[in-house]
Structures are given as C-alpha cells and as structure tokens.
Amino acid sequence: MSTDESDLLYGVPAIARHLKMTDRQVYHLDAKGQIPTFRVGGKVCWSRSGVARWLAEQEAAARQPRPAPKPAAPQAPAAVRPEVRRRGR
C-alpha cells in the first residue's frame, strides 16, 4: 500500500486540524497509544486514509451492543476495628 504526499498528515498540528482537535489532545491520544500514528524524522504522522479507517473502526465499535452490567453482589459489613489506645507522651 502506498500513500502519496497529499495523503500524509505530517506533524501533530496537521493531525489536530484534520480531526478538529487541539494539539494537546492529539499528543495525549498518541502517548496513550489510542491512535495508530507513526514517526518520520521524529515527527508524529498519520495518513488521511488511516484516519478514515480508524474513525470507521471506532464508529463500528461504538455501535456494538454492550452487555448489561451484572448486579453487584451484596457486601458483608466491614469488620469493626477495635479502638487502639495510645499512650500519652
């Protein structure tokens, strides 16, 4: 698969503009590994086609039905800790 120059988003500001996010948000997502970026000469890059694929995957995942949460098991009351006497100074 080849990407031409117009497909490349070179640098965080370009990615942020494309996603309509702040630079800081993109840096955060990149640092947490939540967006599939790559580096060229130390710059964070992403292809427009990669962005489109990633967004489609995110949308598909969000549309999946989520299982109902299981009801929490009743908790036994915590044991009461006896009062500890301290010696005066």
PDB file of N, CA and C in Angstrom:
ATOM      1  N   MET A   1       0.853  -1.171   0.000  1.00  0.00           N
ATOM      2  CA  MET A   1       0.000   0.000   0.000  1.00  0.00           C
ATOM      3  C   MET A   1       0.897   1.232   0.000  1.00  0.00           C
ATOM      4  N   SER A   2       0.667   2.141  -0.892  1.00  0.00           N
ATOM      5  CA  SER A   2       1.470   3.358  -0.919  1.00  0.00           C
ATOM      6  C   SER A   2       0.578   4.553  -0.632  1.00  0.00           C
ATOM      7  N   THR A   3       1.178   5.540  -0.024  1.00  0.00           N
ATOM      8  CA  THR A   3       0.445   6.773   0.244  1.00  0.00           C
ATOM      9  C   THR A   3       1.181   7.896  -0.465  1.00  0.00           C
ATOM     10  N   ASP A   4       0.436   8.737  -1.146  1.00  0.00           N
ATOM     11  CA  ASP A   4       1.091   9.870  -1.791  1.00  0.00           C
ATOM     12  C   ASP A   4       1.219  11.015  -0.800  1.00  0.00           C
ATOM     13  N   GLU A   5       1.930  12.047  -1.163  1.00  0.00           N
ATOM     14  CA  GLU A   5       2.207  13.145  -0.232  1.00  0.00           C
ATOM     15  C   GLU A   5       0.950  13.827   0.274  1.00  0.00           C
ATOM     16  N   SER A   6      -0.095  13.931  -0.567  1.00  0.00           N
ATOM     17  CA  SER A   6      -1.305  14.618  -0.131  1.00  0.00           C
ATOM     18  C   SER A   6      -2.068  13.806   0.918  1.00  0.00           C
ATOM     19  N   ASP A   7      -1.780  12.512   1.019  1.00  0.00           N
ATOM     20  CA  ASP A   7      -2.439  11.658   1.991  1.00  0.00           C
ATOM     21  C   ASP A   7      -1.792  11.772   3.371  1.00  0.00           C
ATOM     22  N   LEU A   8      -0.551  12.252   3.429  1.00  0.00           N
ATOM     23  CA  LEU A   8       0.205  12.301   4.673  1.00  0.00           C
ATOM     24  C   LEU A   8      -0.148  13.532   5.510  1.00  0.00           C
ATOM     25  N   LEU A   9      -0.456  13.291   6.772  1.00  0.00           N
ATOM     26  CA  LEU A   9      -0.626  14.364   7.749  1.00  0.00           C
ATOM     27  C   LEU A   9       0.674  14.384   8.537  1.00  0.00           C
ATOM     28  N   TYR A  10       1.501  15.385   8.293  1.00  0.00           N
ATOM     29  CA  TYR A  10       2.844  15.446   8.858  1.00  0.00           C
ATOM     30  C   TYR A  10       2.860  16.380  10.059  1.00  0.00           C
ATOM     31  N   GLY A  11       3.009  15.810  11.228  1.00  0.00           N
ATOM     32  CA  GLY A  11       3.077  16.591  12.458  1.00  0.00           C
ATOM     33  C   GLY A  11       1.746  16.656  13.180  1.00  0.00           C
ATOM     34  N   VAL A  12       1.845  16.839  14.478  1.00  0.00           N
ATOM     35  CA  VAL A  12       0.656  16.895  15.327  1.00  0.00           C
ATOM     36  C   VAL A  12      -0.297  18.026  14.925  1.00  0.00           C
ATOM     37  N   PRO A  13       0.196  19.240  14.590  1.00  0.00           N
ATOM     38  CA  PRO A  13      -0.749  20.292  14.201  1.00  0.00           C
ATOM     39  C   PRO A  13      -1.615  19.904  12.992  1.00  0.00           C
ATOM     40  N   ALA A  14      -1.024  19.220  12.021  1.00  0.00           N
ATOM     41  CA  ALA A  14      -1.792  18.801  10.839  1.00  0.00           C
ATOM     42  C   ALA A  14      -2.839  17.753  11.214  1.00  0.00           C
ATOM     43  N   ILE A  15      -2.459  16.813  12.084  1.00  0.00           N
ATOM     44  CA  ILE A  15      -3.404  15.787  12.532  1.00  0.00           C
ATOM     45  C   ILE A  15      -4.526  16.428  13.337  1.00  0.00           C
ATOM     46  N   ALA A  16      -4.166  17.342  14.218  1.00  0.00           N
ATOM     47  CA  ALA A  16      -5.160  18.020  15.057  1.00  0.00           C
ATOM     48  C   ALA A  16      -6.159  18.810  14.207  1.00  0.00           C
ATOM     49  N   ARG A  17      -5.653  19.530  13.211  1.00  0.00           N
ATOM     50  CA  ARG A  17      -6.562  20.282  12.325  1.00  0.00           C
ATOM     51  C   ARG A  17      -7.511  19.340  11.603  1.00  0.00           C
ATOM     52  N   HIS A  18      -6.979  18.227  11.111  1.00  0.00           N
ATOM     53  CA  HIS A  18      -7.797  17.262  10.375  1.00  0.00           C
ATOM     54  C   HIS A  18      -8.887  16.664  11.264  1.00  0.00           C
ATOM     55  N   LEU A  19      -8.562  16.381  12.516  1.00  0.00           N
ATOM     56  CA  LEU A  19      -9.518  15.784  13.451  1.00  0.00           C
ATOM     57  C   LEU A  19     -10.358  16.825  14.194  1.00  0.00           C
ATOM     58  N   LYS A  20     -10.036  18.108  13.972  1.00  0.00           N
ATOM     59  CA  LYS A  20     -10.710  19.211  14.680  1.00  0.00           C
ATOM     60  C   LYS A  20     -10.556  19.037  16.202  1.00  0.00           C
ATOM     61  N   MET A  21      -9.299  18.803  16.595  1.00  0.00           N
ATOM     62  CA  MET A  21      -8.926  18.663  17.998  1.00  0.00           C
ATOM     63  C   MET A  21      -7.803  19.639  18.287  1.00  0.00           C
ATOM     64  N   THR A  22      -7.438  19.725  19.545  1.00  0.00           N
ATOM     65  CA  THR A  22      -6.276  20.531  19.899  1.00  0.00           C
ATOM     66  C   THR A  22      -5.021  19.673  19.758  1.00  0.00           C
ATOM     67  N   ASP A  23      -3.870  20.340  19.629  1.00  0.00           N
ATOM     68  CA  ASP A  23      -2.603  19.619  19.569  1.00  0.00           C
ATOM     69  C   ASP A  23      -2.435  18.753  20.810  1.00  0.00           C
ATOM     70  N   ARG A  24      -2.801  19.317  21.945  1.00  0.00           N
ATOM     71  CA  ARG A  24      -2.642  18.608  23.214  1.00  0.00           C
ATOM     72  C   ARG A  24      -3.447  17.310  23.245  1.00  0.00           C
ATOM     73  N   GLN A  25      -4.663  17.341  22.696  1.00  0.00           N
ATOM     74  CA  GLN A  25      -5.484  16.137  22.652  1.00  0.00           C
ATOM     75  C   GLN A  25      -4.823  15.057  21.794  1.00  0.00           C
ATOM     76  N   VAL A  26      -4.253  15.464  20.664  1.00  0.00           N
ATOM     77  CA  VAL A  26      -3.584  14.506  19.778  1.00  0.00           C
ATOM     78  C   VAL A  26      -2.346  13.936  20.461  1.00  0.00           C
ATOM     79  N   TYR A  27      -1.550  14.793  21.108  1.00  0.00           N
ATOM     80  CA  TYR A  27      -0.377  14.304  21.839  1.00  0.00           C
ATOM     81  C   TYR A  27      -0.799  13.279  22.897  1.00  0.00           C
ATOM     82  N   HIS A  28      -1.888  13.564  23.593  1.00  0.00           N
ATOM     83  CA  HIS A  28      -2.373  12.668  24.646  1.00  0.00           C
ATOM     84  C   HIS A  28      -2.784  11.315  24.055  1.00  0.00           C
ATOM     85  N   LEU A  29      -3.582  11.325  22.990  1.00  0.00           N
ATOM     86  CA  LEU A  29      -4.016  10.085  22.355  1.00  0.00           C
ATOM     87  C   LEU A  29      -2.823   9.290  21.827  1.00  0.00           C
ATOM     88  N   ASP A  30      -1.840  10.005  21.261  1.00  0.00           N
ATOM     89  CA  ASP A  30      -0.645   9.345  20.739  1.00  0.00           C
ATOM     90  C   ASP A  30       0.160   8.716  21.872  1.00  0.00           C
ATOM     91  N   ALA A  31       0.334   9.443  22.959  1.00  0.00           N
ATOM     92  CA  ALA A  31       1.120   8.941  24.094  1.00  0.00           C
ATOM     93  C   ALA A  31       0.481   7.705  24.715  1.00  0.00           C
ATOM     94  N   LYS A  32      -0.851   7.650  24.722  1.00  0.00           N
ATOM     95  CA  LYS A  32      -1.554   6.501  25.294  1.00  0.00           C
ATOM     96  C   LYS A  32      -1.706   5.360  24.290  1.00  0.00           C
ATOM     97  N   GLY A  33      -1.247   5.580  23.044  1.00  0.00           N
ATOM     98  CA  GLY A  33      -1.353   4.536  22.023  1.00  0.00           C
ATOM     99  C   GLY A  33      -2.761   4.331  21.515  1.00  0.00           C
ATOM    100  N   GLN A  34      -3.603   5.355  21.642  1.00  0.00           N
ATOM    101  CA  GLN A  34      -5.002   5.220  21.243  1.00  0.00           C
ATOM    102  C   GLN A  34      -5.246   5.578  19.780  1.00  0.00           C
ATOM    103  N   ILE A  35      -4.255   6.138  19.117  1.00  0.00           N
ATOM    104  CA  ILE A  35      -4.364   6.394  17.681  1.00  0.00           C
ATOM    105  C   ILE A  35      -3.144   5.777  16.999  1.00  0.00           C
ATOM    106  N   PRO A  36      -3.345   5.161  15.835  1.00  0.00           N
ATOM    107  CA  PRO A  36      -2.248   4.454  15.168  1.00  0.00           C
ATOM    108  C   PRO A  36      -1.372   5.379  14.323  1.00  0.00           C
ATOM    109  N   THR A  37      -0.522   6.127  14.972  1.00  0.00           N
ATOM    110  CA  THR A  37       0.378   7.040  14.275  1.00  0.00           C
ATOM    111  C   THR A  37       1.717   6.365  14.027  1.00  0.00           C
ATOM    112  N   PHE A  38       2.551   7.023  13.241  1.00  0.00           N
ATOM    113  CA  PHE A  38       3.922   6.568  13.030  1.00  0.00           C
ATOM    114  C   PHE A  38       4.802   7.802  13.012  1.00  0.00           C
ATOM    115  N   ARG A  39       6.097   7.612  13.066  1.00  0.00           N
ATOM    116  CA  ARG A  39       7.019   8.745  13.120  1.00  0.00           C
ATOM    117  C   ARG A  39       7.906   8.766  11.888  1.00  0.00           C
ATOM    118  N   VAL A  40       8.117   9.984  11.397  1.00  0.00           N
ATOM    119  CA  VAL A  40       9.049  10.229  10.296  1.00  0.00           C
ATOM    120  C   VAL A  40       9.961  11.346  10.767  1.00  0.00           C
ATOM    121  N   GLY A  41      11.232  11.031  10.932  1.00  0.00           N
ATOM    122  CA  GLY A  41      12.180  12.044  11.402  1.00  0.00           C
ATOM    123  C   GLY A  41      11.801  12.644  12.738  1.00  0.00           C
ATOM    124  N   GLY A  42      11.195  11.858  13.605  1.00  0.00           N
ATOM    125  CA  GLY A  42      10.811  12.346  14.929  1.00  0.00           C
ATOM    126  C   GLY A  42       9.446  13.013  14.967  1.00  0.00           C
ATOM    127  N   LYS A  43       8.850  13.285  13.817  1.00  0.00           N
ATOM    128  CA  LYS A  43       7.521  13.917  13.763  1.00  0.00           C
ATOM    129  C   LYS A  43       6.438  12.850  13.764  1.00  0.00           C
ATOM    130  N   VAL A  44       5.372  13.117  14.500  1.00  0.00           N
ATOM    131  CA  VAL A  44       4.221  12.224  14.518  1.00  0.00           C
ATOM    132  C   VAL A  44       3.472  12.404  13.208  1.00  0.00           C
ATOM    133  N   CYS A  45       3.187  11.308  12.531  1.00  0.00           N
ATOM    134  CA  CYS A  45       2.486  11.354  11.246  1.00  0.00           C
ATOM    135  C   CYS A  45       1.338  10.359  11.232  1.00  0.00           C
ATOM    136  N   TRP A  46       0.431  10.584  10.278  1.00  0.00           N
ATOM    137  CA  TRP A  46      -0.704   9.711  10.073  1.00  0.00           C
ATOM    138  C   TRP A  46      -1.204   9.975   8.677  1.00  0.00           C
ATOM    139  N   SER A  47      -1.710   8.974   8.017  1.00  0.00           N
ATOM    140  CA  SER A  47      -2.251   9.193   6.674  1.00  0.00           C
ATOM    141  C   SER A  47      -3.741   9.491   6.776  1.00  0.00           C
ATOM    142  N   ARG A  48      -4.239  10.293   5.851  1.00  0.00           N
ATOM    143  CA  ARG A  48      -5.676  10.602   5.849  1.00  0.00           C
ATOM    144  C   ARG A  48      -6.496   9.328   5.698  1.00  0.00           C
ATOM    145  N   SER A  49      -6.017   8.419   4.855  1.00  0.00           N
ATOM    146  CA  SER A  49      -6.740   7.157   4.675  1.00  0.00           C
ATOM    147  C   SER A  49      -6.713   6.334   5.966  1.00  0.00           C
ATOM    148  N   GLY A  50      -5.603   6.398   6.707  1.00  0.00           N
ATOM    149  CA  GLY A  50      -5.526   5.718   8.003  1.00  0.00           C
ATOM    150  C   GLY A  50      -6.482   6.314   9.007  1.00  0.00           C
ATOM    151  N   VAL A  51      -6.621   7.637   8.982  1.00  0.00           N
ATOM    152  CA  VAL A  51      -7.575   8.321   9.873  1.00  0.00           C
ATOM    153  C   VAL A  51      -8.987   7.848   9.559  1.00  0.00           C
ATOM    154  N   ALA A  52      -9.329   7.799   8.269  1.00  0.00           N
ATOM    155  CA  ALA A  52     -10.677   7.389   7.861  1.00  0.00           C
ATOM    156  C   ALA A  52     -10.968   5.954   8.320  1.00  0.00           C
ATOM    157  N   ARG A  53      -9.993   5.050   8.145  1.00  0.00           N
ATOM    158  CA  ARG A  53     -10.170   3.661   8.592  1.00  0.00           C
ATOM    159  C   ARG A  53     -10.363   3.592  10.106  1.00  0.00           C
ATOM    160  N   TRP A  54      -9.499   4.326  10.834  1.00  0.00           N
ATOM    161  CA  TRP A  54      -9.566   4.314  12.291  1.00  0.00           C
ATOM    162  C   TRP A  54     -10.920   4.852  12.781  1.00  0.00           C
ATOM    163  N   LEU A  55     -11.390   5.941  12.171  1.00  0.00           N
ATOM    164  CA  LEU A  55     -12.680   6.505  12.570  1.00  0.00           C
ATOM    165  C   LEU A  55     -13.815   5.527  12.291  1.00  0.00           C
ATOM    166  N   ALA A  56     -13.749   4.821  11.151  1.00  0.00           N
ATOM    167  CA  ALA A  56     -14.779   3.823  10.830  1.00  0.00           C
ATOM    168  C   ALA A  56     -14.766   2.690  11.853  1.00  0.00           C
ATOM    169  N   GLU A  57     -13.574   2.260  12.264  1.00  0.00           N
ATOM    170  CA  GLU A  57     -13.469   1.211  13.289  1.00  0.00           C
ATOM    171  C   GLU A  57     -14.038   1.688  14.622  1.00  0.00           C
ATOM    172  N   GLN A  58     -13.737   2.935  14.989  1.00  0.00           N
ATOM    173  CA  GLN A  58     -14.248   3.484  16.245  1.00  0.00           C
ATOM    174  C   GLN A  58     -15.768   3.564  16.220  1.00  0.00           C
ATOM    175  N   GLU A  59     -16.308   3.985  15.083  1.00  0.00           N
ATOM    176  CA  GLU A  59     -17.760   4.093  14.953  1.00  0.00           C
ATOM    177  C   GLU A  59     -18.412   2.717  15.033  1.00  0.00           C
ATOM    178  N   ALA A  60     -17.837   1.730  14.349  1.00  0.00           N
ATOM    179  CA  ALA A  60     -18.388   0.372  14.384  1.00  0.00           C
ATOM    180  C   ALA A  60     -18.355  -0.192  15.804  1.00  0.00           C
ATOM    181  N   ALA A  61     -17.269   0.033  16.510  1.00  0.00           N
ATOM    182  CA  ALA A  61     -17.157  -0.460  17.884  1.00  0.00           C
ATOM    183  C   ALA A  61     -18.182   0.213  18.793  1.00  0.00           C
ATOM    184  N   ALA A  62     -18.431   1.497  18.560  1.00  0.00           N
ATOM    185  CA  ALA A  62     -19.386   2.227  19.393  1.00  0.00           C
ATOM    186  C   ALA A  62     -20.816   1.762  19.148  1.00  0.00           C
ATOM    187  N   ARG A  63     -21.070   1.239  17.970  1.00  0.00           N
ATOM    188  CA  ARG A  63     -22.430   0.777  17.632  1.00  0.00           C
ATOM    189  C   ARG A  63     -22.718  -0.638  18.126  1.00  0.00           C
ATOM    190  N   GLN A  64     -21.712  -1.360  18.578  1.00  0.00           N
ATOM    191  CA  GLN A  64     -21.914  -2.725  19.073  1.00  0.00           C
ATOM    192  C   GLN A  64     -22.716  -2.677  20.363  1.00  0.00           C
ATOM    193  N   PRO A  65     -23.689  -3.567  20.495  1.00  0.00           N
ATOM    194  CA  PRO A  65     -24.446  -3.584  21.754  1.00  0.00           C
ATOM    195  C   PRO A  65     -23.530  -3.987  22.904  1.00  0.00           C
ATOM    196  N   ARG A  66     -23.709  -3.325  23.997  1.00  0.00           N
ATOM    197  CA  ARG A  66     -22.905  -3.614  25.184  1.00  0.00           C
ATOM    198  C   ARG A  66     -23.684  -4.543  26.104  1.00  0.00           C
ATOM    199  N   PRO A  67     -23.014  -5.516  26.715  1.00  0.00           N
ATOM    200  CA  PRO A  67     -23.724  -6.395  27.648  1.00  0.00           C
ATOM    201  C   PRO A  67     -24.180  -5.607  28.867  1.00  0.00           C
ATOM    202  N   ALA A  68     -25.323  -6.025  29.397  1.00  0.00           N
ATOM    203  CA  ALA A  68     -25.846  -5.359  30.596  1.00  0.00           C
ATOM    204  C   ALA A  68     -24.909  -5.622  31.757  1.00  0.00           C
ATOM    205  N   PRO A  69     -24.684  -4.622  32.592  1.00  0.00           N
ATOM    206  CA  PRO A  69     -23.799  -4.841  33.744  1.00  0.00           C
ATOM    207  C   PRO A  69     -24.425  -5.838  34.712  1.00  0.00           C
ATOM    208  N   LYS A  70     -23.577  -6.665  35.318  1.00  0.00           N
ATOM    209  CA  LYS A  70     -24.050  -7.637  36.293  1.00  0.00           C
ATOM    210  C   LYS A  70     -24.349  -6.909  37.598  1.00  0.00           C
ATOM    211  N   PRO A  71     -25.420  -7.307  38.272  1.00  0.00           N
ATOM    212  CA  PRO A  71     -25.702  -6.650  39.563  1.00  0.00           C
ATOM    213  C   PRO A  71     -24.600  -6.988  40.555  1.00  0.00           C
ATOM    214  N   ALA A  72     -24.284  -6.041  41.366  1.00  0.00           N
ATOM    215  CA  ALA A  72     -23.225  -6.225  42.370  1.00  0.00           C
ATOM    216  C   ALA A  72     -23.706  -7.177  43.456  1.00  0.00           C
ATOM    217  N   ALA A  73     -22.817  -8.053  43.884  1.00  0.00           N
ATOM    218  CA  ALA A  73     -23.148  -8.975  44.969  1.00  0.00           C
ATOM    219  C   ALA A  73     -23.226  -8.178  46.267  1.00  0.00           C
ATOM    220  N   PRO A  74     -24.146  -8.550  47.136  1.00  0.00           N
ATOM    221  CA  PRO A  74     -24.231  -7.824  48.412  1.00  0.00           C
ATOM    222  C   PRO A  74     -22.933  -7.996  49.196  1.00  0.00           C
ATOM    223  N   GLN A  75     -22.505  -6.935  49.780  1.00  0.00           N
ATOM    224  CA  GLN A  75     -21.250  -6.937  50.532  1.00  0.00           C
ATOM    225  C   GLN A  75     -21.554  -7.119  52.022  1.00  0.00           C
ATOM    226  N   ALA A  76     -20.735  -7.932  52.655  1.00  0.00           N
ATOM    227  CA  ALA A  76     -20.847  -8.092  54.099  1.00  0.00           C
ATOM    228  C   ALA A  76     -20.285  -6.837  54.750  1.00  0.00           C
ATOM    229  N   PRO A  77     -20.852  -6.439  55.869  1.00  0.00           N
ATOM    230  CA  PRO A  77     -20.321  -5.234  56.516  1.00  0.00           C
ATOM    231  C   PRO A  77     -18.867  -5.445  56.920  1.00  0.00           C
ATOM    232  N   ALA A  78     -18.115  -4.405  56.801  1.00  0.00           N
ATOM    233  CA  ALA A  78     -16.698  -4.471  57.171  1.00  0.00           C
ATOM    234  C   ALA A  78     -16.581  -4.694  58.669  1.00  0.00           C
ATOM    235  N   ALA A  79     -15.573  -5.460  59.030  1.00  0.00           N
ATOM    236  CA  ALA A  79     -15.351  -5.717  60.450  1.00  0.00           C
ATOM    237  C   ALA A  79     -14.999  -4.405  61.138  1.00  0.00           C
ATOM    238  N   VAL A  80     -15.548  -4.224  62.307  1.00  0.00           N
ATOM    239  CA  VAL A  80     -15.272  -3.011  63.059  1.00  0.00           C
ATOM    240  C   VAL A  80     -13.924  -3.171  63.733  1.00  0.00           C
ATOM    241  N   ARG A  81     -13.070  -2.252  63.488  1.00  0.00           N
ATOM    242  CA  ARG A  81     -11.728  -2.307  64.068  1.00  0.00           C
ATOM    243  C   ARG A  81     -11.805  -1.806  65.508  1.00  0.00           C
ATOM    244  N   PRO A  82     -11.265  -2.579  66.444  1.00  0.00           N
ATOM    245  CA  PRO A  82     -11.307  -2.117  67.832  1.00  0.00           C
ATOM    246  C   PRO A  82     -10.465  -0.855  67.999  1.00  0.00           C
ATOM    247  N   GLU A  83     -10.908  -0.042  68.913  1.00  0.00           N
ATOM    248  CA  GLU A  83     -10.186   1.208  69.152  1.00  0.00           C
ATOM    249  C   GLU A  83      -8.817   0.897  69.745  1.00  0.00           C
ATOM    250  N   VAL A  84      -7.815   1.554  69.227  1.00  0.00           N
ATOM    251  CA  VAL A  84      -6.453   1.338  69.709  1.00  0.00           C
ATOM    252  C   VAL A  84      -6.136   2.440  70.707  1.00  0.00           C
ATOM    253  N   ARG A  85      -5.693   2.020  71.897  1.00  0.00           N
ATOM    254  CA  ARG A  85      -5.338   3.020  72.899  1.00  0.00           C
ATOM    255  C   ARG A  85      -3.899   3.429  72.687  1.00  0.00           C
ATOM    256  N   ARG A  86      -3.677   4.691  72.698  1.00  0.00           N
ATOM    257  CA  ARG A  86      -2.320   5.207  72.550  1.00  0.00           C
ATOM    258  C   ARG A  86      -1.836   5.741  73.877  1.00  0.00           C
ATOM    259  N   ARG A  87      -0.584   5.541  74.102  1.00  0.00           N
ATOM    260  CA  ARG A  87      -0.007   6.056  75.338  1.00  0.00           C
ATOM    261  C   ARG A  87       0.265   7.531  75.188  1.00  0.00           C
ATOM    262  N   GLY A  88       0.006   8.254  76.187  1.00  0.00           N
ATOM    263  CA  GLY A  88       0.251   9.698  76.172  1.00  0.00           C
ATOM    264  C   GLY A  88       1.735   9.992  76.230  1.00  0.00           C
ATOM    265  N   ARG A  89       2.123  11.118  75.757  1.00  0.00           N
ATOM    266  CA  ARG A  89       3.541  11.492  75.782  1.00  0.00           C
ATOM    267  C   ARG A  89       3.876  12.288  76.979  1.00  0.00           C
TER     268      ARG A  89
END
